[in-house]
PDB file of N, CA and C in Angstrom:
ATOM      1  N   MET A   1    -135.525  72.719  26.459  1.00  0.00           N
ATOM      2  CA  MET A   1    -133.798  72.996  26.370  1.00  0.00           C
ATOM      3  C   MET A   1    -133.287  71.942  25.387  1.00  0.00           C
ATOM      4  N   ALA A   2    -132.779  72.421  24.509  1.00  0.00           N
ATOM      5  CA  ALA A   2    -132.250  71.059  23.468  1.00  0.00           C
ATOM      6  C   ALA A   2    -131.014  71.366  23.759  1.00  0.00           C
ATOM      7  N   THR A   3    -129.926  69.991  24.334  1.00  0.00           N
ATOM      8  CA  THR A   3    -128.456  70.177  24.515  1.00  0.00           C
ATOM      9  C   THR A   3    -128.037  69.176  23.434  1.00  0.00           C
ATOM     10  N   SER A   4    -126.902  69.332  22.967  1.00  0.00           N
ATOM     11  CA  SER A   4    -126.226  68.972  21.447  1.00  0.00           C
ATOM     12  C   SER A   4    -125.419  67.434  22.265  1.00  0.00           C
ATOM     13  N   PHE A   5    -125.680  66.830  21.817  1.00  0.00           N
ATOM     14  CA  PHE A   5    -124.691  65.308  22.431  1.00  0.00           C
ATOM     15  C   PHE A   5    -123.172  65.734  21.400  1.00  0.00           C
ATOM     16  N   LYS A   6    -122.310  65.652  22.826  1.00  0.00           N
ATOM     17  CA  LYS A   6    -120.995  65.897  22.181  1.00  0.00           C
ATOM     18  C   LYS A   6    -120.197  64.362  22.209  1.00  0.00           C
ATOM     19  N   LYS A   7    -119.269  63.807  21.694  1.00  0.00           N
ATOM     20  CA  LYS A   7    -118.695  62.452  21.507  1.00  0.00           C
ATOM     21  C   LYS A   7    -117.502  63.116  22.281  1.00  0.00           C
ATOM     22  N   ASN A   8    -117.563  62.456  23.291  1.00  0.00           N
ATOM     23  CA  ASN A   8    -116.097  62.169  24.356  1.00  0.00           C
ATOM     24  C   ASN A   8    -114.672  61.577  23.573  1.00  0.00           C
ATOM     25  N   ILE A   9    -113.880  62.253  23.495  1.00  0.00           N
ATOM     26  CA  ILE A   9    -112.401  61.511  22.765  1.00  0.00           C
ATOM     27  C   ILE A   9    -111.451  61.243  24.115  1.00  0.00           C
ATOM     28  N   TRP A  10    -110.565  60.760  24.328  1.00  0.00           N
ATOM     29  CA  TRP A  10    -109.709  60.516  25.454  1.00  0.00           C
ATOM     30  C   TRP A  10    -108.491  60.486  24.624  1.00  0.00           C
ATOM     31  N   THR A  11    -107.367  61.580  25.329  1.00  0.00           N
ATOM     32  CA  THR A  11    -106.475  61.807  24.812  1.00  0.00           C
ATOM     33  C   THR A  11    -105.754  60.296  25.022  1.00  0.00           C
ATOM     34  N   GLN A  12    -104.475  59.998  24.749  1.00  0.00           N
ATOM     35  CA  GLN A  12    -103.532  59.154  25.019  1.00  0.00           C
ATOM     36  C   GLN A  12    -102.935  59.483  26.637  1.00  0.00           C
ATOM     37  N   HIS A  13    -102.606  60.891  26.775  1.00  0.00           N
ATOM     38  CA  HIS A  13    -101.833  61.344  27.617  1.00  0.00           C
ATOM     39  C   HIS A  13    -103.215  61.732  28.722  1.00  0.00           C
ATOM     40  N   SER A  14    -104.209  61.995  28.579  1.00  0.00           N
ATOM     41  CA  SER A  14    -105.157  62.528  29.495  1.00  0.00           C
ATOM     42  C   SER A  14    -105.625  60.027  30.412  1.00  0.00           C
ATOM     43  N   GLN A  15    -105.262  59.530  29.405  1.00  0.00           N
ATOM     44  CA  GLN A  15    -105.798  58.063  29.870  1.00  0.00           C
ATOM     45  C   GLN A  15    -104.394  57.584  30.811  1.00  0.00           C
ATOM     46  N   LEU A  16    -103.296  58.058  30.512  1.00  0.00           N
ATOM     47  CA  LEU A  16    -102.240  57.500  31.261  1.00  0.00           C
ATOM     48  C   LEU A  16    -102.785  58.271  32.628  1.00  0.00           C
ATOM     49  N   LYS A  17    -102.613  59.932  32.812  1.00  0.00           N
ATOM     50  CA  LYS A  17    -102.703  60.562  33.610  1.00  0.00           C
ATOM     51  C   LYS A  17    -104.233  59.858  34.933  1.00  0.00           C
ATOM     52  N   ILE A  18    -105.000  58.828  34.042  1.00  0.00           N
ATOM     53  CA  ILE A  18    -105.893  58.673  34.887  1.00  0.00           C
ATOM     54  C   ILE A  18    -105.352  57.330  35.389  1.00  0.00           C
ATOM     55  N   LYS A  19    -104.925  56.925  34.910  1.00  0.00           N
ATOM     56  CA  LYS A  19    -103.811  55.648  35.856  1.00  0.00           C
ATOM     57  C   LYS A  19    -102.757  56.116  36.564  1.00  0.00           C
ATOM     58  N   GLN A  20    -102.141  57.190  36.672  1.00  0.00           N
ATOM     59  CA  GLN A  20    -101.460  57.734  37.413  1.00  0.00           C
ATOM     60  C   GLN A  20    -101.735  58.022  38.555  1.00  0.00           C
ATOM     61  N   TYR A  21    -102.919  58.624  38.490  1.00  0.00           N
ATOM     62  CA  TYR A  21    -103.957  59.349  40.073  1.00  0.00           C
ATOM     63  C   TYR A  21    -104.834  58.539  40.169  1.00  0.00           C
ATOM     64  N   GLY A  22    -105.151  57.259  39.301  1.00  0.00           N
ATOM     65  CA  GLY A  22    -105.957  56.310  40.228  1.00  0.00           C
ATOM     66  C   GLY A  22    -107.815  56.962  39.854  1.00  0.00           C
ATOM     67  N   LEU A  23    -107.801  57.644  38.936  1.00  0.00           N
ATOM     68  CA  LEU A  23    -108.952  58.409  38.703  1.00  0.00           C
ATOM     69  C   LEU A  23    -109.871  57.110  37.896  1.00  0.00           C
ATOM     70  N   SER A  24    -111.139  57.501  37.564  1.00  0.00           N
ATOM     71  CA  SER A  24    -111.999  56.258  37.126  1.00  0.00           C
ATOM     72  C   SER A  24    -112.477  57.690  35.862  1.00  0.00           C
ATOM     73  N   LYS A  25    -112.804  56.908  34.618  1.00  0.00           N
ATOM     74  CA  LYS A  25    -113.475  57.943  33.918  1.00  0.00           C
ATOM     75  C   LYS A  25    -114.990  58.371  34.197  1.00  0.00           C
ATOM     76  N   SER A  26    -115.955  57.124  34.625  1.00  0.00           N
ATOM     77  CA  SER A  26    -116.872  57.686  35.056  1.00  0.00           C
ATOM     78  C   SER A  26    -116.867  58.958  36.517  1.00  0.00           C
ATOM     79  N   LYS A  27    -115.977  58.801  37.431  1.00  0.00           N
ATOM     80  CA  LYS A  27    -115.880  60.118  37.755  1.00  0.00           C
ATOM     81  C   LYS A  27    -115.635  61.207  37.411  1.00  0.00           C
ATOM     82  N   LEU A  28    -114.899  61.073  36.300  1.00  0.00           N
ATOM     83  CA  LEU A  28    -114.015  62.564  35.425  1.00  0.00           C
ATOM     84  C   LEU A  28    -115.391  62.801  34.515  1.00  0.00           C
ATOM     85  N   LEU A  29    -116.214  62.056  34.268  1.00  0.00           N
ATOM     86  CA  LEU A  29    -117.214  62.187  33.408  1.00  0.00           C
ATOM     87  C   LEU A  29    -118.637  63.338  34.437  1.00  0.00           C
ATOM     88  N   GLY A  30    -118.580  62.467  35.706  1.00  0.00           N
ATOM     89  CA  GLY A  30    -119.365  63.399  36.345  1.00  0.00           C
ATOM     90  C   GLY A  30    -118.554  64.740  36.808  1.00  0.00           C
ATOM     91  N   ILE A  31    -117.273  64.832  37.031  1.00  0.00           N
ATOM     92  CA  ILE A  31    -116.919  66.505  36.856  1.00  0.00           C
ATOM     93  C   ILE A  31    -117.363  67.269  35.729  1.00  0.00           C
ATOM     94  N   LEU A  32    -117.242  66.152  34.955  1.00  0.00           N
ATOM     95  CA  LEU A  32    -117.492  67.216  33.163  1.00  0.00           C
ATOM     96  C   LEU A  32    -118.491  67.715  33.127  1.00  0.00           C
ATOM     97  N   TYR A  33    -119.486  66.994  33.941  1.00  0.00           N
ATOM     98  CA  TYR A  33    -120.844  67.255  33.687  1.00  0.00           C
ATOM     99  C   TYR A  33    -121.355  68.048  34.773  1.00  0.00           C
ATOM    100  N   LYS A  34    -121.160  68.043  35.785  1.00  0.00           N
ATOM    101  CA  LYS A  34    -121.403  68.849  37.113  1.00  0.00           C
ATOM    102  C   LYS A  34    -120.443  69.159  37.438  1.00  0.00           C
ATOM    103  N   PRO A  35    -119.393  70.510  36.973  1.00  0.00           N
ATOM    104  CA  PRO A  35    -118.567  71.084  37.601  1.00  0.00           C
ATOM    105  C   PRO A  35    -118.584  71.630  39.158  1.00  0.00           C
ATOM    106  N   GLU A  36    -117.929  71.748  39.936  1.00  0.00           N
ATOM    107  CA  GLU A  36    -117.527  72.848  41.153  1.00  0.00           C
ATOM    108  C   GLU A  36    -117.105  73.587  40.544  1.00  0.00           C
ATOM    109  N   ARG A  37    -116.293  74.216  39.690  1.00  0.00           N
ATOM    110  CA  ARG A  37    -116.097  75.176  39.168  1.00  0.00           C
ATOM    111  C   ARG A  37    -115.317  75.083  37.930  1.00  0.00           C
ATOM    112  N   LYS A  38    -115.291  76.379  37.238  1.00  0.00           N
ATOM    113  CA  LYS A  38    -115.063  75.972  35.829  1.00  0.00           C
ATOM    114  C   LYS A  38    -113.947  77.404  35.591  1.00  0.00           C
ATOM    115  N   GLU A  39    -112.546  77.292  34.893  1.00  0.00           N
ATOM    116  CA  GLU A  39    -111.567  77.929  34.404  1.00  0.00           C
ATOM    117  C   GLU A  39    -111.249  77.458  33.066  1.00  0.00           C
ATOM    118  N   LEU A  40    -110.524  78.989  32.578  1.00  0.00           N
ATOM    119  CA  LEU A  40    -109.990  78.688  31.117  1.00  0.00           C
ATOM    120  C   LEU A  40    -108.753  77.840  31.806  1.00  0.00           C
ATOM    121  N   GLY A  41    -108.619  77.032  30.682  1.00  0.00           N
ATOM    122  CA  GLY A  41    -107.458  76.277  30.488  1.00  0.00           C
ATOM    123  C   GLY A  41    -106.117  76.603  30.561  1.00  0.00           C
ATOM    124  N   ILE A  42    -104.822  76.472  30.320  1.00  0.00           N
ATOM    125  CA  ILE A  42    -103.163  76.844  30.171  1.00  0.00           C
ATOM    126  C   ILE A  42    -103.396  76.548  28.766  1.00  0.00           C
ATOM    127  N   VAL A  43    -104.184  75.855  27.767  1.00  0.00           N
ATOM    128  CA  VAL A  43    -103.797  76.129  26.850  1.00  0.00           C
ATOM    129  C   VAL A  43    -105.162  76.576  26.243  1.00  0.00           C
ATOM    130  N   PRO A  44    -104.812  77.917  24.777  1.00  0.00           N
ATOM    131  CA  PRO A  44    -106.070  78.747  24.138  1.00  0.00           C
ATOM    132  C   PRO A  44    -106.755  77.737  24.000  1.00  0.00           C
ATOM    133  N   GLY A  45    -108.088  78.361  24.610  1.00  0.00           N
ATOM    134  CA  GLY A  45    -109.169  77.388  23.879  1.00  0.00           C
ATOM    135  C   GLY A  45    -109.528  76.303  24.502  1.00  0.00           C
ATOM    136  N   THR A  46    -109.187  76.415  25.943  1.00  0.00           N
ATOM    137  CA  THR A  46    -109.373  75.241  26.189  1.00  0.00           C
ATOM    138  C   THR A  46    -109.797  75.519  27.751  1.00  0.00           C
ATOM    139  N   ILE A  47    -110.987  74.851  28.073  1.00  0.00           N
ATOM    140  CA  ILE A  47    -111.232  74.522  29.714  1.00  0.00           C
ATOM    141  C   ILE A  47    -110.902  73.730  30.878  1.00  0.00           C
ATOM    142  N   ALA A  48    -110.893  73.922  32.084  1.00  0.00           N
ATOM    143  CA  ALA A  48    -110.473  73.670  33.031  1.00  0.00           C
ATOM    144  C   ALA A  48    -111.521  73.038  34.299  1.00  0.00           C
ATOM    145  N   VAL A  49    -112.074  72.454  34.350  1.00  0.00           N
ATOM    146  CA  VAL A  49    -113.446  72.105  35.109  1.00  0.00           C
ATOM    147  C   VAL A  49    -112.652  71.214  36.699  1.00  0.00           C
ATOM    148  N   MET A  50    -113.434  71.669  37.897  1.00  0.00           N
ATOM    149  CA  MET A  50    -112.825  70.991  39.031  1.00  0.00           C
ATOM    150  C   MET A  50    -114.226  70.683  39.983  1.00  0.00           C
ATOM    151  N   LYS A  51    -113.626  69.781  40.893  1.00  0.00           N
ATOM    152  CA  LYS A  51    -114.376  69.205  41.969  1.00  0.00           C
ATOM    153  C   LYS A  51    -113.236  69.012  42.999  1.00  0.00           C
ATOM    154  N   THR A  52    -114.019  69.336  44.421  1.00  0.00           N
ATOM    155  CA  THR A  52    -113.419  69.262  45.151  1.00  0.00           C
ATOM    156  C   THR A  52    -113.543  67.988  45.995  1.00  0.00           C
ATOM    157  N   ASN A  53    -112.620  66.966  46.564  1.00  0.00           N
ATOM    158  CA  ASN A  53    -112.805  65.424  47.057  1.00  0.00           C
ATOM    159  C   ASN A  53    -113.290  66.106  48.896  1.00  0.00           C
ATOM    160  N   LYS A  54    -114.435  65.824  48.937  1.00  0.00           N
ATOM    161  CA  LYS A  54    -115.089  65.880  50.126  1.00  0.00           C
ATOM    162  C   LYS A  54    -114.598  64.534  50.936  1.00  0.00           C
ATOM    163  N   LEU A  55    -114.238  65.331  52.532  1.00  0.00           N
ATOM    164  CA  LEU A  55    -113.950  64.292  53.516  1.00  0.00           C
ATOM    165  C   LEU A  55    -114.955  64.107  54.663  1.00  0.00           C
ATOM    166  N   PHE A  56    -115.335  63.153  54.413  1.00  0.00           N
ATOM    167  CA  PHE A  56    -116.814  62.452  55.452  1.00  0.00           C
ATOM    168  C   PHE A  56    -116.056  61.935  56.693  1.00  0.00           C
ATOM    169  N   ALA A  57    -117.044  62.066  58.088  1.00  0.00           N
ATOM    170  CA  ALA A  57    -116.771  61.525  59.283  1.00  0.00           C
ATOM    171  C   ALA A  57    -116.363  60.072  59.193  1.00  0.00           C
ATOM    172  N   LYS A  58    -117.088  59.253  58.225  1.00  0.00           N
ATOM    173  CA  LYS A  58    -117.061  57.580  58.490  1.00  0.00           C
ATOM    174  C   LYS A  58    -115.908  57.208  57.447  1.00  0.00           C
ATOM    175  N   LEU A  59    -115.217  56.235  58.557  1.00  0.00           N
ATOM    176  CA  LEU A  59    -114.416  56.135  57.505  1.00  0.00           C
ATOM    177  C   LEU A  59    -114.544  54.479  56.895  1.00  0.00           C
ATOM    178  N   LYS A  60    -114.090  54.369  55.854  1.00  0.00           N
ATOM    179  CA  LYS A  60    -114.778  52.720  55.539  1.00  0.00           C
ATOM    180  C   LYS A  60    -113.620  51.822  55.546  1.00  0.00           C
ATOM    181  N   PRO A  61    -113.979  50.733  56.112  1.00  0.00           N
ATOM    182  CA  PRO A  61    -112.585  49.609  56.479  1.00  0.00           C
ATOM    183  C   PRO A  61    -112.269  49.186  55.487  1.00  0.00           C
ATOM    184  N   VAL A  62    -110.912  48.492  55.202  1.00  0.00           N
ATOM    185  CA  VAL A  62    -110.766  47.719  54.162  1.00  0.00           C
ATOM    186  C   VAL A  62    -111.202  46.628  54.618  1.00  0.00           C
ATOM    187  N   ALA A  63    -111.292  45.480  53.575  1.00  0.00           N
ATOM    188  CA  ALA A  63    -111.882  44.249  53.948  1.00  0.00           C
ATOM    189  C   ALA A  63    -111.093  43.050  54.752  1.00  0.00           C
ATOM    190  N   PRO A  64    -109.742  42.583  54.259  1.00  0.00           N
ATOM    191  CA  PRO A  64    -109.476  41.806  55.207  1.00  0.00           C
ATOM    192  C   PRO A  64    -109.016  42.147  56.389  1.00  0.00           C
ATOM    193  N   SER A  65    -107.841  43.672  56.042  1.00  0.00           N
ATOM    194  CA  SER A  65    -107.164  44.122  57.542  1.00  0.00           C
ATOM    195  C   SER A  65    -107.856  44.568  58.293  1.00  0.00           C
ATOM    196  N   THR A  66    -107.104  45.680  59.429  1.00  0.00           N
ATOM    197  CA  THR A  66    -107.584  46.519  60.243  1.00  0.00           C
ATOM    198  C   THR A  66    -107.288  47.646  59.595  1.00  0.00           C
ATOM    199  N   LYS A  67    -106.965  47.814  58.678  1.00  0.00           N
ATOM    200  CA  LYS A  67    -106.353  49.154  58.391  1.00  0.00           C
ATOM    201  C   LYS A  67    -107.394  50.172  58.102  1.00  0.00           C
ATOM    202  N   TRP A  68    -108.052  51.361  58.221  1.00  0.00           N
ATOM    203  CA  TRP A  68    -108.943  51.989  57.753  1.00  0.00           C
ATOM    204  C   TRP A  68    -108.739  52.797  56.419  1.00  0.00           C
ATOM    205  N   GLN A  69    -109.382  53.135  55.847  1.00  0.00           N
ATOM    206  CA  GLN A  69    -109.041  53.883  54.396  1.00  0.00           C
ATOM    207  C   GLN A  69    -109.650  55.174  54.913  1.00  0.00           C
ATOM    208  N   LYS A  70    -109.405  56.134  54.391  1.00  0.00           N
ATOM    209  CA  LYS A  70    -109.601  57.775  54.050  1.00  0.00           C
ATOM    210  C   LYS A  70    -109.548  58.461  52.728  1.00  0.00           C
ATOM    211  N   LYS A  71    -111.105  58.853  52.435  1.00  0.00           N
ATOM    212  CA  LYS A  71    -110.590  59.722  51.355  1.00  0.00           C
ATOM    213  C   LYS A  71    -109.773  60.350  51.016  1.00  0.00           C
ATOM    214  N   VAL A  72    -108.811  61.132  50.034  1.00  0.00           N
ATOM    215  CA  VAL A  72    -107.628  61.986  49.744  1.00  0.00           C
ATOM    216  C   VAL A  72    -108.235  63.259  49.536  1.00  0.00           C
ATOM    217  N   PRO A  73    -107.692  64.254  50.424  1.00  0.00           N
ATOM    218  CA  PRO A  73    -108.445  65.475  50.016  1.00  0.00           C
ATOM    219  C   PRO A  73    -107.914  65.953  49.318  1.00  0.00           C
ATOM    220  N   GLY A  74    -108.353  67.036  48.559  1.00  0.00           N
ATOM    221  CA  GLY A  74    -108.011  68.117  47.830  1.00  0.00           C
ATOM    222  C   GLY A  74    -108.748  67.874  46.672  1.00  0.00           C
ATOM    223  N   GLU A  75    -108.411  68.370  45.322  1.00  0.00           N
ATOM    224  CA  GLU A  75    -109.138  68.855  44.220  1.00  0.00           C
ATOM    225  C   GLU A  75    -108.996  67.611  42.915  1.00  0.00           C
ATOM    226  N   ILE A  76    -109.744  67.417  42.275  1.00  0.00           N
ATOM    227  CA  ILE A  76    -108.975  66.728  40.836  1.00  0.00           C
ATOM    228  C   ILE A  76    -109.858  67.460  39.813  1.00  0.00           C
ATOM    229  N   TRP A  77    -108.440  67.577  38.578  1.00  0.00           N
ATOM    230  CA  TRP A  77    -108.788  68.699  37.788  1.00  0.00           C
ATOM    231  C   TRP A  77    -109.270  68.054  36.426  1.00  0.00           C
ATOM    232  N   LEU A  78    -109.975  68.630  34.936  1.00  0.00           N
ATOM    233  CA  LEU A  78    -109.938  67.902  33.847  1.00  0.00           C
ATOM    234  C   LEU A  78    -109.915  68.962  32.952  1.00  0.00           C
ATOM    235  N   MET A  79    -109.418  68.800  31.958  1.00  0.00           N
ATOM    236  CA  MET A  79    -108.661  70.412  31.014  1.00  0.00           C
ATOM    237  C   MET A  79    -109.473  69.575  29.733  1.00  0.00           C
ATOM    238  N   TYR A  80    -110.349  70.398  28.596  1.00  0.00           N
ATOM    239  CA  TYR A  80    -110.947  69.600  27.291  1.00  0.00           C
ATOM    240  C   TYR A  80    -110.938  71.067  26.847  1.00  0.00           C
ATOM    241  N   LYS A  81    -111.575  70.131  25.432  1.00  0.00           N
ATOM    242  CA  LYS A  81    -111.343  71.327  24.333  1.00  0.00           C
ATOM    243  C   LYS A  81    -112.663  70.756  23.223  1.00  0.00           C
ATOM    244  N   ASP A  82    -113.564  72.085  23.145  1.00  0.00           N
ATOM    245  CA  ASP A  82    -114.752  71.610  22.432  1.00  0.00           C
ATOM    246  C   ASP A  82    -114.209  71.604  20.968  1.00  0.00           C
ATOM    247  N   ILE A  83    -114.396  70.951  20.129  1.00  0.00           N
ATOM    248  CA  ILE A  83    -114.439  71.155  18.621  1.00  0.00           C
ATOM    249  C   ILE A  83    -115.536  70.738  18.233  1.00  0.00           C
ATOM    250  N   LYS A  84    -116.307  71.443  17.389  1.00  0.00           N
ATOM    251  CA  LYS A  84    -117.251  71.224  16.548  1.00  0.00           C
ATOM    252  C   LYS A  84    -118.498  69.970  17.214  1.00  0.00           C
ATOM    253  N   GLY A  85    -118.663  69.019  16.574  1.00  0.00           N
ATOM    254  CA  GLY A  85    -119.245  67.857  17.845  1.00  0.00           C
ATOM    255  C   GLY A  85    -118.853  67.013  18.352  1.00  0.00           C
ATOM    256  N   THR A  86    -117.477  67.101  18.591  1.00  0.00           N
ATOM    257  CA  THR A  86    -116.452  66.370  19.551  1.00  0.00           C
ATOM    258  C   THR A  86    -116.102  67.282  20.647  1.00  0.00           C
ATOM    259  N   ARG A  87    -115.973  66.308  22.315  1.00  0.00           N
ATOM    260  CA  ARG A  87    -115.033  67.159  22.917  1.00  0.00           C
ATOM    261  C   ARG A  87    -114.057  66.109  23.525  1.00  0.00           C
ATOM    262  N   THR A  88    -112.627  66.990  23.638  1.00  0.00           N
ATOM    263  CA  THR A  88    -111.588  66.369  23.241  1.00  0.00           C
ATOM    264  C   THR A  88    -110.841  66.409  25.078  1.00  0.00           C
ATOM    265  N   ILE A  89    -110.601  65.515  25.652  1.00  0.00           N
ATOM    266  CA  ILE A  89    -110.357  65.563  27.203  1.00  0.00           C
ATOM    267  C   ILE A  89    -108.818  65.590  27.245  1.00  0.00           C
ATOM    268  N   ILE A  90    -108.464  66.598  27.759  1.00  0.00           N
ATOM    269  CA  ILE A  90    -106.677  66.471  27.140  1.00  0.00           C
ATOM    270  C   ILE A  90    -106.273  65.770  28.407  1.00  0.00           C
ATOM    271  N   SER A  91    -106.657  66.241  29.429  1.00  0.00           N
ATOM    272  CA  SER A  91    -105.369  65.918  30.744  1.00  0.00           C
ATOM    273  C   SER A  91    -106.456  65.728  32.022  1.00  0.00           C
ATOM    274  N   ALA A  92    -105.883  64.982  33.324  1.00  0.00           N
ATOM    275  CA  ALA A  92    -106.763  65.055  34.373  1.00  0.00           C
ATOM    276  C   ALA A  92    -105.435  64.860  35.712  1.00  0.00           C
ATOM    277  N   TRP A  93    -106.297  65.475  36.522  1.00  0.00           N
ATOM    278  CA  TRP A  93    -104.895  65.428  37.375  1.00  0.00           C
ATOM    279  C   TRP A  93    -105.834  65.703  39.086  1.00  0.00           C
ATOM    280  N   ARG A  94    -105.193  65.122  40.001  1.00  0.00           N
ATOM    281  CA  ARG A  94    -105.353  65.514  41.334  1.00  0.00           C
ATOM    282  C   ARG A  94    -104.657  66.702  42.043  1.00  0.00           C
ATOM    283  N   TYR A  95    -105.343  67.770  42.518  1.00  0.00           N
ATOM    284  CA  TYR A  95    -104.187  68.900  43.105  1.00  0.00           C
ATOM    285  C   TYR A  95    -104.404  68.553  44.507  1.00  0.00           C
ATOM    286  N   PRO A  96    -103.282  69.021  45.489  1.00  0.00           N
ATOM    287  CA  PRO A  96    -103.502  67.857  46.920  1.00  0.00           C
ATOM    288  C   PRO A  96    -104.280  69.082  47.762  1.00  0.00           C
ATOM    289  N   GLY A  97    -103.944  70.107  47.540  1.00  0.00           N
ATOM    290  CA  GLY A  97    -104.616  71.345  48.439  1.00  0.00           C
ATOM    291  C   GLY A  97    -105.703  72.107  47.899  1.00  0.00           C
ATOM    292  N   ILE A  98    -106.036  72.784  48.498  1.00  0.00           N
ATOM    293  CA  ILE A  98    -107.384  74.188  48.006  1.00  0.00           C
ATOM    294  C   ILE A  98    -107.307  75.015  46.840  1.00  0.00           C
ATOM    295  N   SER A  99    -107.189  75.860  45.757  1.00  0.00           N
ATOM    296  CA  SER A  99    -107.276  76.302  44.837  1.00  0.00           C
ATOM    297  C   SER A  99    -108.348  77.478  44.972  1.00  0.00           C
ATOM    298  N   LYS A 100    -107.621  78.518  44.855  1.00  0.00           N
ATOM    299  CA  LYS A 100    -108.592  79.988  45.006  1.00  0.00           C
ATOM    300  C   LYS A 100    -109.348  80.200  43.636  1.00  0.00           C
ATOM    301  N   PRO A 101    -110.580  80.680  43.430  1.00  0.00           N
ATOM    302  CA  PRO A 101    -111.039  80.955  41.977  1.00  0.00           C
ATOM    303  C   PRO A 101    -110.538  82.169  41.600  1.00  0.00           C
ATOM    304  N   GLY A 102    -110.383  82.000  40.064  1.00  0.00           N
ATOM    305  CA  GLY A 102    -109.449  83.152  39.460  1.00  0.00           C
ATOM    306  C   GLY A 102    -107.986  82.941  39.548  1.00  0.00           C
ATOM    307  N   GLU A 103    -107.103  82.519  40.749  1.00  0.00           N
ATOM    308  CA  GLU A 103    -106.153  82.350  40.034  1.00  0.00           C
ATOM    309  C   GLU A 103    -105.705  81.290  38.610  1.00  0.00           C
ATOM    310  N   LYS A 104    -104.423  81.152  39.326  1.00  0.00           N
ATOM    311  CA  LYS A 104    -103.596  80.272  38.302  1.00  0.00           C
ATOM    312  C   LYS A 104    -103.725  79.112  38.379  1.00  0.00           C
ATOM    313  N   ILE A 105    -104.524  78.271  37.064  1.00  0.00           N
ATOM    314  CA  ILE A 105    -104.397  76.891  37.546  1.00  0.00           C
ATOM    315  C   ILE A 105    -103.494  75.794  38.084  1.00  0.00           C
ATOM    316  N   PRO A 106    -104.141  75.313  39.299  1.00  0.00           N
ATOM    317  CA  PRO A 106    -102.514  74.477  39.850  1.00  0.00           C
ATOM    318  C   PRO A 106    -102.978  73.288  39.152  1.00  0.00           C
ATOM    319  N   ILE A 107    -101.527  73.406  37.982  1.00  0.00           N
ATOM    320  CA  ILE A 107    -101.378  71.973  37.566  1.00  0.00           C
ATOM    321  C   ILE A 107     -99.890  71.766  37.609  1.00  0.00           C
ATOM    322  N   PRO A 108     -99.251  70.113  37.592  1.00  0.00           N
ATOM    323  CA  PRO A 108     -97.979  69.883  38.210  1.00  0.00           C
ATOM    324  C   PRO A 108     -96.844  70.242  37.128  1.00  0.00           C
ATOM    325  N   ASN A 109     -96.245  70.507  37.586  1.00  0.00           N
ATOM    326  CA  ASN A 109     -94.966  71.060  36.405  1.00  0.00           C
ATOM    327  C   ASN A 109     -94.873  70.075  34.921  1.00  0.00           C
ATOM    328  N   ASP A 110     -94.774  68.639  35.828  1.00  0.00           N
ATOM    329  CA  ASP A 110     -94.824  67.401  34.353  1.00  0.00           C
ATOM    330  C   ASP A 110     -95.918  67.559  33.312  1.00  0.00           C
ATOM    331  N   ILE A 111     -96.624  67.621  33.578  1.00  0.00           N
ATOM    332  CA  ILE A 111     -98.224  67.722  33.285  1.00  0.00           C
ATOM    333  C   ILE A 111     -98.081  68.786  32.434  1.00  0.00           C
ATOM    334  N   GLU A 112     -97.914  70.229  32.590  1.00  0.00           N
ATOM    335  CA  GLU A 112     -97.857  71.434  31.830  1.00  0.00           C
ATOM    336  C   GLU A 112     -96.952  71.569  30.917  1.00  0.00           C
ATOM    337  N   GLN A 113     -95.672  71.033  31.084  1.00  0.00           N
ATOM    338  CA  GLN A 113     -94.566  70.780  30.045  1.00  0.00           C
ATOM    339  C   GLN A 113     -94.959  69.709  28.826  1.00  0.00           C
ATOM    340  N   GLU A 114     -95.991  68.895  29.518  1.00  0.00           N
ATOM    341  CA  GLU A 114     -96.110  67.606  27.772  1.00  0.00           C
ATOM    342  C   GLU A 114     -97.187  68.270  27.312  1.00  0.00           C
ATOM    343  N   ILE A 115     -98.068  68.918  27.976  1.00  0.00           N
ATOM    344  CA  ILE A 115     -99.056  69.554  27.290  1.00  0.00           C
ATOM    345  C   ILE A 115     -98.757  70.489  26.389  1.00  0.00           C
ATOM    346  N   MET A 116     -97.692  71.374  26.492  1.00  0.00           N
ATOM    347  CA  MET A 116     -97.212  72.422  26.264  1.00  0.00           C
ATOM    348  C   MET A 116     -96.510  71.972  25.165  1.00  0.00           C
ATOM    349  N   SER A 117     -95.728  70.977  24.830  1.00  0.00           N
ATOM    350  CA  SER A 117     -94.808  70.745  24.141  1.00  0.00           C
ATOM    351  C   SER A 117     -95.379  69.815  22.933  1.00  0.00           C
ATOM    352  N   HIS A 118     -97.052  69.248  23.228  1.00  0.00           N
ATOM    353  CA  HIS A 118     -97.356  68.148  22.023  1.00  0.00           C
ATOM    354  C   HIS A 118     -98.456  68.995  21.627  1.00  0.00           C
ATOM    355  N   LYS A 119     -99.406  68.902  20.371  1.00  0.00           N
ATOM    356  CA  LYS A 119    -100.175  69.641  20.192  1.00  0.00           C
ATOM    357  C   LYS A 119    -101.656  68.470  20.213  1.00  0.00           C
ATOM    358  N   PHE A 120    -102.004  68.323  21.076  1.00  0.00           N
ATOM    359  CA  PHE A 120    -103.384  67.784  21.302  1.00  0.00           C
ATOM    360  C   PHE A 120    -104.354  67.769  20.048  1.00  0.00           C
ATOM    361  N   ILE A 121    -104.651  69.022  20.183  1.00  0.00           N
ATOM    362  CA  ILE A 121    -105.365  69.604  18.946  1.00  0.00           C
ATOM    363  C   ILE A 121    -105.079  70.344  18.148  1.00  0.00           C
TER     364      ILE A 121
END
């Protein structure tokens, strides 16, 4: 099976959201290539993919202190658009709850307004 390689282009908006939500590009690329769920994006012609943050029984200690670190529950979403040989990653965000398949994508209001006011593609 031959798959075509697509160059990933990160918008300035997506890079800001990566910093805001404490995400990494490698984590988002993993979600992009192996999503748990795929939905239509809010912008026409876009696709949104997500993966649930799994909670594990073992807690990881934070090095010098006695506090314990826990994974944040919820979902991580990524919205992108394919154009010819490129894949433009428009936005990424964390959703604190669990969304149901087929319902409207749970996107924060500030991200939705910013995406709708700009022409990323």
